[in-house]
Amino acid sequence: MITGIYAALCGLLLVVLYARVSQRRLATKIGAGTGGDAVLEQRVRAHANLIESAPLVLLLLYLVEQTGLDAWAVHAFGAAFLIARLLHAQGMSGSTGRSTGRFYGSIGTLLILVALSVVLLVRSFMA
């Protein structure tokens, strides 16, 4: 199961992002919310952004895989999504404003979401 590889890697990325939030909470003694701390806000958003996109993309990836899409294509979608999320997390970690990583990570995520949705629709109607 190819999707399992990318789900596991996203899970590990989530753990890293979660640890960064927890580390900042301990350092600032902010237990809930962000308390106006800009660094904590960035880390919370990087973590939340992965949570907001990963479940649906991984579900679509799994469903597309189950339609019999070539393994190389499933890997391409999975790797592209993981790279997009890594770019986004890196971009969110470096700046509260615009950043190259955040921009390309966001655009990449949206393009993969659209592409997987279209591929799944087409393959579902062709079955």
Protein backbone atom coordinates (compact mmCIF):
# COMPACT_ATOMS: atom_id res chain seq x y z
CA MET A 1 0.00 0.00 0.00
CA ILE A 2 1.73 3.11 -1.29
CA THR A 3 -0.53 5.59 0.51
CA GLY A 4 0.63 4.11 3.82
CA ILE A 5 4.15 5.37 3.16
CA TYR A 6 2.97 8.95 2.72
CA ALA A 7 0.52 8.74 5.62
CA ALA A 8 3.38 7.57 7.86
CA LEU A 9 5.70 10.34 6.64
CA CYS A 10 2.97 12.94 7.19
CA GLY A 11 2.47 11.48 10.66
CA LEU A 12 6.16 11.96 11.42
CA LEU A 13 6.04 15.53 10.10
CA LEU A 14 3.03 16.15 12.33
CA VAL A 15 4.99 14.89 15.36
CA VAL A 16 7.83 17.31 14.55
CA LEU A 17 5.43 20.23 14.18
CA TYR A 18 3.61 19.21 17.38
CA ALA A 19 6.91 19.05 19.27
CA ARG A 20 7.82 22.56 18.06
CA VAL A 21 4.50 23.89 19.39
CA SER A 22 4.99 22.11 22.72
CA GLN A 23 8.56 23.35 23.04
CA ARG A 24 7.45 26.95 22.52
CA ARG A 25 4.56 26.54 24.97
CA LEU A 26 6.99 25.34 27.62
CA ALA A 27 9.42 28.17 26.92
CA THR A 28 6.72 30.85 27.10
CA LYS A 29 4.52 29.16 29.72
CA ILE A 30 1.47 29.64 27.44
CA GLY A 31 -0.85 26.71 28.03
CA ALA A 32 -3.72 27.56 25.70
CA GLY A 33 -4.04 29.82 22.70
CA THR A 34 -1.00 31.77 21.60
CA GLY A 35 -0.97 34.55 24.17
CA GLY A 36 0.08 37.07 21.54
CA ASP A 37 3.38 35.24 20.96
CA ALA A 38 4.17 35.54 17.24
CA VAL A 39 6.52 32.55 17.17
CA LEU A 40 3.95 30.32 18.88
CA GLU A 41 1.28 31.54 16.45
CA GLN A 42 3.50 30.57 13.49
CA ARG A 43 4.14 27.12 14.93
CA VAL A 44 0.47 26.54 15.73
CA ARG A 45 -0.52 27.53 12.17
CA ALA A 46 2.14 25.32 10.59
CA HIS A 47 0.82 22.40 12.64
CA ALA A 48 -2.83 23.25 11.94
CA ASN A 49 -2.27 23.71 8.21
CA LEU A 50 -0.98 20.15 7.93
CA ILE A 51 -3.98 18.86 9.91
CA GLU A 52 -6.32 20.83 7.66
CA SER A 53 -5.04 19.36 4.40
CA ALA A 54 -3.45 15.96 5.07
CA PRO A 55 -6.54 13.89 5.92
CA LEU A 56 -8.42 14.70 2.70
CA VAL A 57 -5.36 14.48 0.46
CA LEU A 58 -4.36 11.13 1.97
CA LEU A 59 -7.92 9.84 1.59
CA LEU A 60 -7.99 10.91 -2.06
CA LEU A 61 -4.56 9.36 -2.60
CA TYR A 62 -5.75 6.08 -1.11
CA LEU A 63 -8.92 6.06 -3.21
CA VAL A 64 -6.98 6.85 -6.38
CA GLU A 65 -4.55 4.06 -5.52
CA GLN A 66 -7.49 1.67 -5.12
CA THR A 67 -8.69 2.49 -8.63
CA GLY A 68 -5.49 0.90 -9.93
CA LEU A 69 -3.59 4.05 -10.85
CA ASP A 70 0.01 3.22 -11.77
CA ALA A 71 2.31 3.00 -8.76
CA TRP A 72 4.65 5.67 -10.12
CA ALA A 73 1.73 8.14 -10.33
CA VAL A 74 0.59 7.40 -6.77
CA HIS A 75 4.18 7.93 -5.59
CA ALA A 76 4.41 11.16 -7.59
CA PHE A 77 1.26 12.55 -5.96
CA GLY A 78 2.35 11.41 -2.49
CA ALA A 79 5.89 12.76 -2.80
CA ALA A 80 4.67 16.06 -4.26
CA PHE A 81 2.25 16.49 -1.36
CA LEU A 82 4.92 15.70 1.22
CA ILE A 83 7.34 18.15 -0.41
CA ALA A 84 4.64 20.83 -0.51
CA ARG A 85 3.91 20.36 3.19
CA LEU A 86 7.62 20.45 4.07
CA LEU A 87 8.02 23.67 2.07
CA HIS A 88 4.99 25.17 3.79
CA ALA A 89 6.22 24.22 7.26
CA GLN A 90 9.67 25.64 6.51
CA GLY A 91 8.14 28.84 5.17
CA MET A 92 5.86 29.22 8.19
CA SER A 93 8.79 28.70 10.53
CA GLY A 94 10.86 31.46 8.97
CA SER A 95 8.47 34.38 8.64
CA THR A 96 5.06 35.62 9.70
CA GLY A 97 4.66 37.29 6.32
CA ARG A 98 5.11 36.01 2.81
CA SER A 99 7.77 33.43 2.11
CA THR A 100 8.79 31.31 -0.84
CA GLY A 101 8.28 28.04 1.06
CA ARG A 102 4.85 29.02 2.28
CA PHE A 103 3.76 30.19 -1.18
CA TYR A 104 4.94 27.11 -3.08
CA GLY A 105 3.80 24.80 -0.30
CA SER A 106 0.29 26.26 -0.40
CA ILE A 107 0.05 26.29 -4.18
CA GLY A 108 1.47 22.77 -4.38
CA THR A 109 -1.03 21.47 -1.85
CA LEU A 110 -3.97 23.03 -3.71
CA LEU A 111 -2.78 21.72 -7.08
CA ILE A 112 -2.37 18.20 -5.70
CA LEU A 113 -5.81 18.37 -4.08
CA VAL A 114 -7.39 19.45 -7.37
CA ALA A 115 -5.44 16.90 -9.42
CA LEU A 116 -6.29 13.99 -7.13
CA SER A 117 -9.95 15.03 -7.11
CA VAL A 118 -10.10 15.19 -10.90
CA VAL A 119 -8.23 11.90 -11.35
CA LEU A 120 -10.58 10.20 -8.89
CA LEU A 121 -13.68 11.59 -10.62
CA VAL A 122 -12.47 10.52 -14.05
CA ARG A 123 -11.41 7.05 -12.91
CA SER A 124 -14.67 6.59 -10.97
CA PHE A 125 -16.78 7.38 -14.04
CA MET A 126 -14.63 5.14 -16.24
CA ALA A 127 -15.05 2.11 -13.97
